[in-house]
Amino acid sequence: MARYTEARCRLCRREGMKLFLKGDRCYSDKCAFEKSAYAPGQHGQTRHKISDYGIRLREKQRVRRIYGLLEAQFRRYFETADRQKGMTGVNLLVLLERRLDNVIYRLGFADSRVQARQLVGHGHFAVNGRRVDIPSFLVRKGDVIEPFNKEKVCLPITQALDAVARRGVPEWLQLDRDGLKGSVVALPERRDITMPVQEQFIVEFYSK
């Protein structure tokens, strides 16, 4: 499976905002974006006039990198969203939020989506009692997500739960910290997605 293996802090600097790709480090003084809040590279501090196309490209890249997807996979999500009823941009964000690796991160079982994807891929989680090792698995209303083996929960999960209060859990999810399980009480809506993104720019980018 193809995946991004380069420095992740460069992505935050390139997109001009914190994408929270490295868990605790993003909240500390070690965050590279806090030290150098400009694009990486020799000409990173040079001001450039960005075109309308560039604005839409950057918005698409920003959302793609937040969820850790490569271009082909992100394009498939857009095509699926475009076939659904309603606003394509909102449909796209809802699909991305419903990914199992994102739900694991939102519930606080992982420090980052990257870590959540690895934990899911290694079979550490179950949905409705059945082990799922596909990060792109789409959860549905009523699904219950929990560690597959509660008697032997791996250290990254317990460490992440200790810091869950810092991020909070969105309203469409419910976390039972003592019972080590989370529930999907509703499907996410646009108001539940608080990231500063303009999904209409993504629709316009792919519509050209």
Protein backbone atom coordinates (compact mmCIF):
# COMPACT_ATOMS: atom_id res chain seq x y z
CA MET A 1 0.00 0.00 0.00
CA ALA A 2 1.44 3.36 -1.03
CA ARG A 3 1.77 5.97 1.72
CA TYR A 4 3.53 9.23 2.44
CA THR A 5 6.90 8.61 4.13
CA GLU A 6 8.54 12.05 4.13
CA ALA A 7 8.66 14.65 6.93
CA ARG A 8 5.09 15.42 7.99
CA CYS A 9 5.82 18.82 9.53
CA ARG A 10 6.69 20.07 6.04
CA LEU A 11 3.06 19.46 5.04
CA CYS A 12 1.75 21.80 7.74
CA ARG A 13 4.19 24.49 6.69
CA ARG A 14 3.31 24.04 3.03
CA GLU A 15 -0.43 24.37 3.70
CA GLY A 16 0.01 27.32 6.04
CA MET A 17 -1.88 25.77 8.96
CA LYS A 18 -1.53 23.09 11.60
CA LEU A 19 -2.81 19.77 10.29
CA PHE A 20 -2.11 17.94 13.58
CA LEU A 21 -0.30 15.07 11.89
CA LYS A 22 2.09 14.21 14.74
CA GLY A 23 -0.06 13.99 17.85
CA ASP A 24 1.43 15.47 21.04
CA ARG A 25 4.25 17.19 19.18
CA CYS A 26 1.73 19.49 17.46
CA TYR A 27 0.65 20.84 20.86
CA SER A 28 4.19 21.39 22.16
CA ASP A 29 6.94 23.97 21.63
CA LYS A 30 8.66 21.48 19.33
CA CYS A 31 6.04 21.99 16.61
CA ALA A 32 7.86 22.98 13.42
CA PHE A 33 4.96 25.17 12.29
CA GLU A 34 5.26 27.28 15.44
CA LYS A 35 8.96 27.79 14.76
CA SER A 36 8.71 28.36 11.01
CA ALA A 37 5.22 29.31 9.90
CA TYR A 38 6.13 29.62 6.24
CA ALA A 39 6.47 27.23 3.31
CA PRO A 40 9.53 24.94 3.31
CA GLY A 41 12.34 25.30 0.83
CA GLN A 42 14.80 27.96 -0.26
CA HIS A 43 12.09 30.39 -1.38
CA GLY A 44 9.57 29.56 1.35
CA GLN A 45 9.56 33.07 2.83
CA THR A 46 9.14 34.76 -0.55
CA ARG A 47 5.64 36.09 -1.13
CA HIS A 48 3.95 34.77 -4.25
CA LYS A 49 0.68 35.85 -5.81
CA ILE A 50 -1.52 32.77 -5.90
CA SER A 51 -3.93 32.18 -8.79
CA ASP A 52 -7.56 31.07 -8.53
CA TYR A 53 -6.45 27.61 -9.61
CA GLY A 54 -3.75 27.62 -6.93
CA ILE A 55 -6.28 28.54 -4.21
CA ARG A 56 -8.46 25.58 -5.16
CA LEU A 57 -5.49 23.24 -5.46
CA ARG A 58 -4.23 24.17 -2.00
CA GLU A 59 -7.68 23.57 -0.48
CA LYS A 60 -7.83 20.13 -2.04
CA GLN A 61 -4.29 19.29 -0.92
CA ARG A 62 -5.01 20.54 2.59
CA VAL A 63 -8.01 18.25 3.11
CA ARG A 64 -6.27 15.31 1.43
CA ARG A 65 -3.29 15.65 3.76
CA ILE A 66 -5.40 16.08 6.88
CA TYR A 67 -6.95 12.65 6.27
CA GLY A 68 -3.70 11.10 4.99
CA LEU A 69 -4.91 10.05 1.55
CA LEU A 70 -3.13 9.81 -1.78
CA GLU A 71 -4.59 11.50 -4.83
CA ALA A 72 -6.23 8.48 -6.47
CA GLN A 73 -8.04 7.49 -3.28
CA PHE A 74 -9.14 11.05 -2.58
CA ARG A 75 -10.49 11.35 -6.13
CA ARG A 76 -12.55 8.18 -5.65
CA TYR A 77 -14.12 9.67 -2.54
CA PHE A 78 -15.01 12.78 -4.52
CA GLU A 79 -16.61 10.72 -7.29
CA THR A 80 -18.65 8.80 -4.71
CA ALA A 81 -19.74 12.05 -3.05
CA ASP A 82 -20.71 13.48 -6.43
CA ARG A 83 -23.08 10.55 -7.07
CA GLN A 84 -24.86 11.00 -3.75
CA LYS A 85 -27.79 13.32 -3.12
CA GLY A 86 -27.08 16.69 -1.57
CA MET A 87 -24.08 18.99 -1.74
CA THR A 88 -21.01 17.24 -3.12
CA GLY A 89 -18.54 19.08 -0.88
CA VAL A 90 -20.42 18.24 2.30
CA ASN A 91 -20.89 14.62 1.16
CA LEU A 92 -17.13 14.39 0.65
CA LEU A 93 -16.29 15.61 4.14
CA VAL A 94 -18.87 13.30 5.70
CA LEU A 95 -17.40 10.29 3.88
CA LEU A 96 -13.91 11.19 5.09
CA GLU A 97 -15.12 11.63 8.66
CA ARG A 98 -16.75 8.19 8.59
CA ARG A 99 -13.46 6.42 7.86
CA LEU A 100 -12.59 4.03 10.68
CA ASP A 101 -9.08 5.46 11.17
CA ASN A 102 -10.57 8.95 11.53
CA VAL A 103 -13.20 7.71 14.00
CA ILE A 104 -10.48 6.04 16.09
CA TYR A 105 -8.63 9.36 16.17
CA ARG A 106 -11.79 11.36 16.95
CA LEU A 107 -12.65 9.05 19.84
CA GLY A 108 -9.19 9.56 21.33
CA PHE A 109 -7.89 6.01 20.86
CA ALA A 110 -4.93 7.38 18.86
CA ASP A 111 -2.78 10.53 18.95
CA SER A 112 -3.06 11.12 15.21
CA ARG A 113 -4.77 9.74 12.13
CA VAL A 114 -1.45 8.23 11.07
CA GLN A 115 -1.23 6.28 14.31
CA ALA A 116 -4.91 5.33 14.06
CA ARG A 117 -4.38 3.96 10.57
CA GLN A 118 -1.48 1.82 11.79
CA LEU A 119 -3.44 0.50 14.78
CA VAL A 120 -6.39 -0.44 12.59
CA GLY A 121 -4.13 -2.06 9.99
CA HIS A 122 -2.57 -4.21 12.70
CA GLY A 123 -5.98 -5.46 13.81
CA HIS A 124 -6.19 -3.73 17.19
CA PHE A 125 -9.83 -2.69 16.81
CA ALA A 126 -13.21 -4.30 16.32
CA VAL A 127 -16.50 -2.91 15.03
CA ASN A 128 -19.61 -4.50 16.54
CA GLY A 129 -17.43 -7.27 17.98
CA ARG A 130 -15.80 -8.15 14.67
CA ARG A 131 -12.14 -7.36 14.02
CA VAL A 132 -11.63 -4.83 11.22
CA ASP A 133 -8.20 -4.12 9.75
CA ILE A 134 -9.26 -1.80 6.90
CA PRO A 135 -8.63 1.88 7.75
CA SER A 136 -11.05 3.05 5.04
CA PHE A 137 -13.96 1.06 6.52
CA LEU A 138 -16.97 3.41 6.74
CA VAL A 139 -18.80 3.37 10.06
CA ARG A 140 -22.58 3.64 10.30
CA LYS A 141 -24.98 4.90 12.92
CA GLY A 142 -25.15 2.47 15.83
CA ASP A 143 -21.70 0.95 15.29
CA VAL A 144 -19.64 0.22 18.40
CA ILE A 145 -15.86 0.56 18.13
CA GLU A 146 -13.55 -0.92 20.74
CA PRO A 147 -10.10 -2.55 21.12
CA PHE A 148 -10.27 -6.13 19.86
CA ASN A 149 -8.51 -7.52 22.93
CA LYS A 150 -9.51 -5.46 25.98
CA GLU A 151 -7.49 -7.70 28.29
CA LYS A 152 -4.30 -6.68 26.51
CA VAL A 153 -4.76 -3.13 25.23
CA CYS A 154 -1.61 -1.81 23.55
CA LEU A 155 0.23 1.10 25.16
CA PRO A 156 -0.40 3.73 22.41
CA ILE A 157 -4.16 3.41 22.95
CA THR A 158 -3.99 3.96 26.71
CA GLN A 159 -1.55 6.85 26.30
CA ALA A 160 -3.82 8.53 23.75
CA LEU A 161 -6.86 8.19 26.02
CA ASP A 162 -4.99 10.03 28.76
CA ALA A 163 -4.88 13.10 26.50
CA VAL A 164 -8.38 12.86 24.97
CA ALA A 165 -9.71 15.79 27.02
CA ARG A 166 -7.41 18.14 25.14
CA ARG A 167 -9.15 17.47 21.81
CA GLY A 168 -12.63 16.53 22.92
CA VAL A 169 -15.00 14.07 21.23
CA PRO A 170 -17.43 15.33 18.56
CA GLU A 171 -21.17 15.18 19.26
CA TRP A 172 -21.85 12.47 16.70
CA LEU A 173 -19.61 10.08 18.65
CA GLN A 174 -19.80 8.88 22.23
CA LEU A 175 -16.85 7.63 24.25
CA ASP A 176 -17.12 5.27 27.21
CA ARG A 177 -13.60 5.66 28.55
CA ASP A 178 -14.02 3.23 31.44
CA GLY A 179 -15.52 0.60 29.16
CA LEU A 180 -12.92 1.27 26.44
CA LYS A 181 -15.46 1.64 23.67
CA GLY A 182 -16.94 4.27 21.44
CA SER A 183 -20.30 4.50 19.67
CA VAL A 184 -21.52 6.22 16.54
CA VAL A 185 -24.69 7.93 17.79
CA ALA A 186 -25.34 9.76 14.51
CA LEU A 187 -23.74 10.41 11.16
CA PRO A 188 -21.63 13.57 11.06
CA GLU A 189 -23.09 16.79 9.69
CA ARG A 190 -21.28 19.80 8.26
CA ARG A 191 -21.49 21.69 11.54
CA ASP A 192 -19.66 18.82 13.27
CA ILE A 193 -16.61 19.28 11.02
CA THR A 194 -14.80 22.22 12.57
CA MET A 195 -11.71 22.26 10.37
CA PRO A 196 -11.22 25.59 8.55
CA VAL A 197 -11.77 24.24 5.04
CA GLN A 198 -13.89 25.47 2.14
CA GLU A 199 -15.13 22.33 0.47
CA GLN A 200 -16.68 24.26 -2.42
CA PHE A 201 -13.18 25.03 -3.69
CA ILE A 202 -12.53 21.27 -3.94
CA VAL A 203 -15.70 20.81 -5.97
CA GLU A 204 -14.66 23.63 -8.29
CA PHE A 205 -11.16 22.15 -8.63
CA TYR A 206 -12.42 18.76 -9.80
CA SER A 207 -15.20 20.28 -11.93
CA LYS A 208 -12.77 21.94 -14.34
